[in-house]
C-alpha atoms as a PDB file:
ATOM      1  CA  MET A   1       2.726   2.359  21.814  1.00  0.00           C
ATOM      2  CA  SER A   2       6.158   0.534  21.481  1.00  0.00           C
ATOM      3  CA  ASN A   3       7.630  -0.838  18.126  1.00  0.00           C
ATOM      4  CA  HIS A   4      10.011  -3.046  19.704  1.00  0.00           C
ATOM      5  CA  GLY A   5      10.573  -5.678  17.074  1.00  0.00           C
ATOM      6  CA  GLU A   6       8.637  -4.160  14.315  1.00  0.00           C
ATOM      7  CA  ASN A   7      11.008  -1.681  12.767  1.00  0.00           C
ATOM      8  CA  PHE A   8      10.724  -3.171   9.329  1.00  0.00           C
ATOM      9  CA  LYS A   9       7.282  -1.831   9.415  1.00  0.00           C
ATOM     10  CA  PHE A  10       8.592   1.839   8.969  1.00  0.00           C
ATOM     11  CA  PHE A  11      10.900   3.814   6.822  1.00  0.00           C
ATOM     12  CA  GLN A  12      11.482   7.377   5.787  1.00  0.00           C
ATOM     13  CA  HIS A  13      13.599   8.945   3.214  1.00  0.00           C
ATOM     14  CA  LEU A  14      14.010  12.243   4.208  1.00  0.00           C
ATOM     15  CA  ASP A  15      16.415  13.519   1.132  1.00  0.00           C
ATOM     16  CA  CYS A  16      13.474  12.392  -1.268  1.00  0.00           C
ATOM     17  CA  GLU A  17      12.625  15.352  -3.355  1.00  0.00           C
ATOM     18  CA  TYR A  18       8.935  14.114  -3.192  1.00  0.00           C
ATOM     19  CA  PHE A  19       8.994  13.819   0.771  1.00  0.00           C
ATOM     20  CA  PRO A  20       6.226  13.674   1.446  1.00  0.00           C
ATOM     21  CA  CYS A  21       4.485  12.733  -1.694  1.00  0.00           C
ATOM     22  CA  HIS A  22       1.277  13.620  -0.035  1.00  0.00           C
ATOM     23  CA  GLU A  23      -0.048  16.410   2.311  1.00  0.00           C
ATOM     24  CA  THR A  24       0.365  15.452   5.935  1.00  0.00           C
ATOM     25  CA  LYS A  25       0.100  17.323   9.257  1.00  0.00           C
ATOM     26  CA  THR A  26       2.185  14.910  10.974  1.00  0.00           C
ATOM     27  CA  PRO A  27       5.370  14.536   8.455  1.00  0.00           C
ATOM     28  CA  GLU A  28       7.063  12.922  11.296  1.00  0.00           C
ATOM     29  CA  THR A  29       5.118   9.890  10.895  1.00  0.00           C
ATOM     30  CA  PHE A  30       5.090   9.616   7.154  1.00  0.00           C
ATOM     31  CA  ASN A  31       6.096   6.064   6.556  1.00  0.00           C
ATOM     32  CA  CYS A  32       7.741   5.931   3.031  1.00  0.00           C
ATOM     33  CA  LEU A  33       8.004   2.030   3.325  1.00  0.00           C
ATOM     34  CA  PHE A  34       5.305   1.452   0.319  1.00  0.00           C
ATOM     35  CA  CYS A  35       6.494   4.589  -2.076  1.00  0.00           C
ATOM     36  CA  TYR A  36       4.589   3.419  -5.215  1.00  0.00           C
ATOM     37  CA  CYS A  37       0.941   1.671  -3.581  1.00  0.00           C
ATOM     38  CA  PRO A  38       1.008  -1.805  -4.094  1.00  0.00           C
ATOM     39  CA  LEU A  39      -2.772  -1.711  -3.946  1.00  0.00           C
ATOM     40  CA  TYR A  40      -3.181   0.804  -6.615  1.00  0.00           C
ATOM     41  CA  ALA A  41      -4.435  -2.344  -9.001  1.00  0.00           C
ATOM     42  CA  LEU A  42      -7.278  -3.300  -6.570  1.00  0.00           C
ATOM     43  CA  GLY A  43      -8.976  -0.344  -8.305  1.00  0.00           C
ATOM     44  CA  ASP A  44     -11.944   0.762  -5.788  1.00  0.00           C
ATOM     45  CA  GLN A  45     -11.194  -2.244  -3.206  1.00  0.00           C
ATOM     46  CA  CYS A  46      -8.092  -1.128  -2.100  1.00  0.00           C
ATOM     47  CA  GLY A  47      -9.292   0.762   1.122  1.00  0.00           C
ATOM     48  CA  GLY A  48      -7.667   4.133   0.681  1.00  0.00           C
ATOM     49  CA  ASN A  49      -9.296   7.495  -0.064  1.00  0.00           C
ATOM     50  CA  PHE A  50      -8.996   8.079  -3.608  1.00  0.00           C
ATOM     51  CA  SER A  51     -11.238   9.103  -6.640  1.00  0.00           C
ATOM     52  CA  TYR A  52     -11.517   9.182 -10.599  1.00  0.00           C
ATOM     53  CA  THR A  53     -10.354  11.952 -12.656  1.00  0.00           C
ATOM     54  CA  ASP A  54     -12.743  12.664 -15.924  1.00  0.00           C
ATOM     55  CA  LYS A  55     -10.893  10.323 -17.890  1.00  0.00           C
ATOM     56  CA  GLY A  56     -11.219   7.427 -15.498  1.00  0.00           C
ATOM     57  CA  ILE A  57      -7.690   7.291 -14.410  1.00  0.00           C
ATOM     58  CA  LYS A  58      -7.818   6.654 -10.149  1.00  0.00           C
ATOM     59  CA  ASN A  59      -6.164   9.718  -8.186  1.00  0.00           C
ATOM     60  CA  CYS A  60      -4.609   8.960  -5.270  1.00  0.00           C
ATOM     61  CA  MET A  61      -3.205  12.194  -4.089  1.00  0.00           C
ATOM     62  CA  SER A  62      -5.697  12.335  -1.342  1.00  0.00           C
ATOM     63  CA  CYS A  63      -4.431   9.039  -0.020  1.00  0.00           C
ATOM     64  CA  SER A  64      -2.331   8.521   2.990  1.00  0.00           C
ATOM     65  CA  PHE A  65      -3.474   4.793   3.893  1.00  0.00           C
ATOM     66  CA  PRO A  66      -0.357   2.993   2.850  1.00  0.00           C
ATOM     67  CA  HIS A  67       1.934   5.863   4.076  1.00  0.00           C
ATOM     68  CA  GLN A  68       0.471   5.072   7.923  1.00  0.00           C
ATOM     69  CA  GLN A  69       2.666   2.743  10.021  1.00  0.00           C
ATOM     70  CA  GLU A  70      -0.267   1.259  11.599  1.00  0.00           C
ATOM     71  CA  ASN A  71      -1.517  -0.004   8.315  1.00  0.00           C
ATOM     72  CA  PHE A  72       1.250  -2.211   7.242  1.00  0.00           C
ATOM     73  CA  ASP A  73      -0.335  -5.475   8.238  1.00  0.00           C
ATOM     74  CA  LEU A  74      -3.562  -3.954   6.222  1.00  0.00           C
ATOM     75  CA  VAL A  75      -1.908  -3.421   3.231  1.00  0.00           C
ATOM     76  CA  LEU A  76      -0.196  -6.963   3.771  1.00  0.00           C
ATOM     77  CA  GLU A  77      -3.831  -8.183   3.789  1.00  0.00           C
ATOM     78  CA  LYS A  78      -5.342  -6.432   0.949  1.00  0.00           C
ATOM     79  CA  LEU A  79      -2.016  -7.718  -1.041  1.00  0.00           C
ATOM     80  CA  ARG A  80      -2.673 -11.041  -0.323  1.00  0.00           C
ATOM     81  CA  VAL A  81      -6.527 -10.617  -1.856  1.00  0.00           C
ATOM     82  CA  LEU A  82      -4.479  -9.216  -5.187  1.00  0.00           C
ATOM     83  CA  ILE A  83      -2.141 -12.138  -5.009  1.00  0.00           C
ATOM     84  CA  GLU A  84      -4.857 -14.474  -4.927  1.00  0.00           C
ATOM     85  CA  GLN A  85      -7.062 -12.516  -7.431  1.00  0.00           C
ATOM     86  CA  LEU A  86      -3.946 -13.206  -9.773  1.00  0.00           C
ATOM     87  CA  ARG A  87      -3.588 -16.649  -8.927  1.00  0.00           C
ATOM     88  CA  ILE A  88      -3.842 -18.905 -11.837  1.00  0.00           C
ATOM     89  CA  LYS A  89      -6.535 -21.477 -11.197  1.00  0.00           C
ATOM     90  CA  MET A  90      -5.340 -24.964 -12.094  1.00  0.00           C
END
């Protein structure tokens, strides 16, 4: 798969003390672009592999959805949903 003209969809911060922040078998493809998940606020509609703690806190430790380069466009689509939900209806 060629990434010609789509390099903006992938970034790695190899010097980050948390890299990679999730367990992965392929650290060379781990995408840091969405370091903090922009989809967290979507709750159970985020599309990722998450769970809830006993205290009801969303736990994303098992989720790599925003860290997969091929999901860039899906993350943007879900961000559009979040933005629409937050839009003031006039």
